[in-house]
Amino acid sequence: MMEPTEYPVEKVNRLARELSQALDEWMEGEFMAVILPKSRSNGHSVQFGGIDAQKQAIAVMAAQAA
């Protein structure tokens, strides 16, 4: 059996770094992304919002994902 070229944790870290950089380049770095596992996202695995406006929403979403 062939070894995977990228383990899941490596892929998550790589994609997170890439997304972080892209967010800096988009909308003057004022937006953020919240990413949930597809299996726990209720059809909305990626959400974007203004950083300041999303602070409360992040707390609620984290509690719901638990």
C-alpha atoms as a PDB file:
ATOM      1  CA  MET A   1       0.000   0.000   0.000  1.00  0.00           C
ATOM      2  CA  MET A   2       1.319   3.434  -0.915  1.00  0.00           C
ATOM      3  CA  GLU A   3       1.893   5.985   1.814  1.00  0.00           C
ATOM      4  CA  PRO A   4      -0.321   9.045   1.513  1.00  0.00           C
ATOM      5  CA  THR A   5       1.522  12.025   0.097  1.00  0.00           C
ATOM      6  CA  GLU A   6      -0.118  14.239   2.702  1.00  0.00           C
ATOM      7  CA  TYR A   7      -1.640  13.181   5.998  1.00  0.00           C
ATOM      8  CA  PRO A   8      -4.939  14.809   7.044  1.00  0.00           C
ATOM      9  CA  VAL A   9      -3.255  16.950   9.712  1.00  0.00           C
ATOM     10  CA  GLU A  10      -0.712  18.153   7.170  1.00  0.00           C
ATOM     11  CA  LYS A  11      -3.479  19.018   4.719  1.00  0.00           C
ATOM     12  CA  VAL A  12      -5.457  20.908   7.374  1.00  0.00           C
ATOM     13  CA  ASN A  13      -2.376  22.890   8.386  1.00  0.00           C
ATOM     14  CA  ARG A  14      -1.443  23.677   4.775  1.00  0.00           C
ATOM     15  CA  LEU A  15      -4.950  24.757   3.809  1.00  0.00           C
ATOM     16  CA  ALA A  16      -5.314  26.850   6.972  1.00  0.00           C
ATOM     17  CA  ARG A  17      -2.058  28.681   6.193  1.00  0.00           C
ATOM     18  CA  GLU A  18      -3.183  29.264   2.603  1.00  0.00           C
ATOM     19  CA  LEU A  19      -6.607  30.505   3.706  1.00  0.00           C
ATOM     20  CA  SER A  20      -5.056  32.796   6.301  1.00  0.00           C
ATOM     21  CA  GLN A  21      -2.860  34.367   3.650  1.00  0.00           C
ATOM     22  CA  ALA A  22      -5.752  34.695   1.204  1.00  0.00           C
ATOM     23  CA  LEU A  23      -7.904  36.388   3.869  1.00  0.00           C
ATOM     24  CA  ASP A  24      -5.151  38.984   4.356  1.00  0.00           C
ATOM     25  CA  GLU A  25      -5.348  39.721   0.636  1.00  0.00           C
ATOM     26  CA  TRP A  26      -9.172  39.854   0.473  1.00  0.00           C
ATOM     27  CA  MET A  27     -11.283  42.785   1.692  1.00  0.00           C
ATOM     28  CA  GLU A  28      -8.259  44.383   3.373  1.00  0.00           C
ATOM     29  CA  GLY A  29      -8.037  41.569   5.919  1.00  0.00           C
ATOM     30  CA  GLU A  30     -11.285  42.536   7.632  1.00  0.00           C
ATOM     31  CA  PHE A  31     -13.033  39.188   7.100  1.00  0.00           C
ATOM     32  CA  MET A  32     -12.515  35.802   8.644  1.00  0.00           C
ATOM     33  CA  ALA A  33     -13.617  32.265   7.932  1.00  0.00           C
ATOM     34  CA  VAL A  34     -15.168  29.689  10.200  1.00  0.00           C
ATOM     35  CA  ILE A  35     -14.738  26.141   8.960  1.00  0.00           C
ATOM     36  CA  LEU A  36     -16.517  23.174  10.484  1.00  0.00           C
ATOM     37  CA  PRO A  37     -16.115  19.501   9.649  1.00  0.00           C
ATOM     38  CA  LYS A  38     -18.506  18.674   6.821  1.00  0.00           C
ATOM     39  CA  SER A  39     -20.112  15.945   8.923  1.00  0.00           C
ATOM     40  CA  ARG A  40     -21.032  18.482  11.633  1.00  0.00           C
ATOM     41  CA  SER A  41     -21.822  21.543   9.560  1.00  0.00           C
ATOM     42  CA  ASN A  42     -25.504  21.104   8.664  1.00  0.00           C
ATOM     43  CA  GLY A  43     -24.673  22.036   5.081  1.00  0.00           C
ATOM     44  CA  HIS A  44     -22.754  25.212   5.942  1.00  0.00           C
ATOM     45  CA  SER A  45     -19.172  24.078   6.423  1.00  0.00           C
ATOM     46  CA  VAL A  46     -17.526  27.392   5.466  1.00  0.00           C
ATOM     47  CA  GLN A  47     -18.807  30.734   6.665  1.00  0.00           C
ATOM     48  CA  PHE A  48     -17.305  34.187   6.177  1.00  0.00           C
ATOM     49  CA  GLY A  49     -17.929  37.345   8.144  1.00  0.00           C
ATOM     50  CA  GLY A  50     -16.445  40.562   9.392  1.00  0.00           C
ATOM     51  CA  ILE A  51     -14.049  39.931  12.255  1.00  0.00           C
ATOM     52  CA  ASP A  52     -15.605  42.420  14.673  1.00  0.00           C
ATOM     53  CA  ALA A  53     -19.168  41.359  13.890  1.00  0.00           C
ATOM     54  CA  GLN A  54     -18.400  37.653  14.237  1.00  0.00           C
ATOM     55  CA  LYS A  55     -16.934  37.475  17.756  1.00  0.00           C
ATOM     56  CA  GLN A  56     -20.246  36.462  19.364  1.00  0.00           C
ATOM     57  CA  ALA A  57     -21.171  34.133  16.496  1.00  0.00           C
ATOM     58  CA  ILE A  58     -17.886  32.265  16.895  1.00  0.00           C
ATOM     59  CA  ALA A  59     -18.647  31.511  20.534  1.00  0.00           C
ATOM     60  CA  VAL A  60     -22.142  30.243  19.652  1.00  0.00           C
ATOM     61  CA  MET A  61     -20.911  28.088  16.763  1.00  0.00           C
ATOM     62  CA  ALA A  62     -18.139  26.560  18.846  1.00  0.00           C
ATOM     63  CA  ALA A  63     -20.645  25.616  21.525  1.00  0.00           C
ATOM     64  CA  GLN A  64     -22.998  24.067  18.960  1.00  0.00           C
ATOM     65  CA  ALA A  65     -20.219  22.026  17.339  1.00  0.00           C
ATOM     66  CA  ALA A  66     -19.277  20.456  20.671  1.00  0.00           C
END
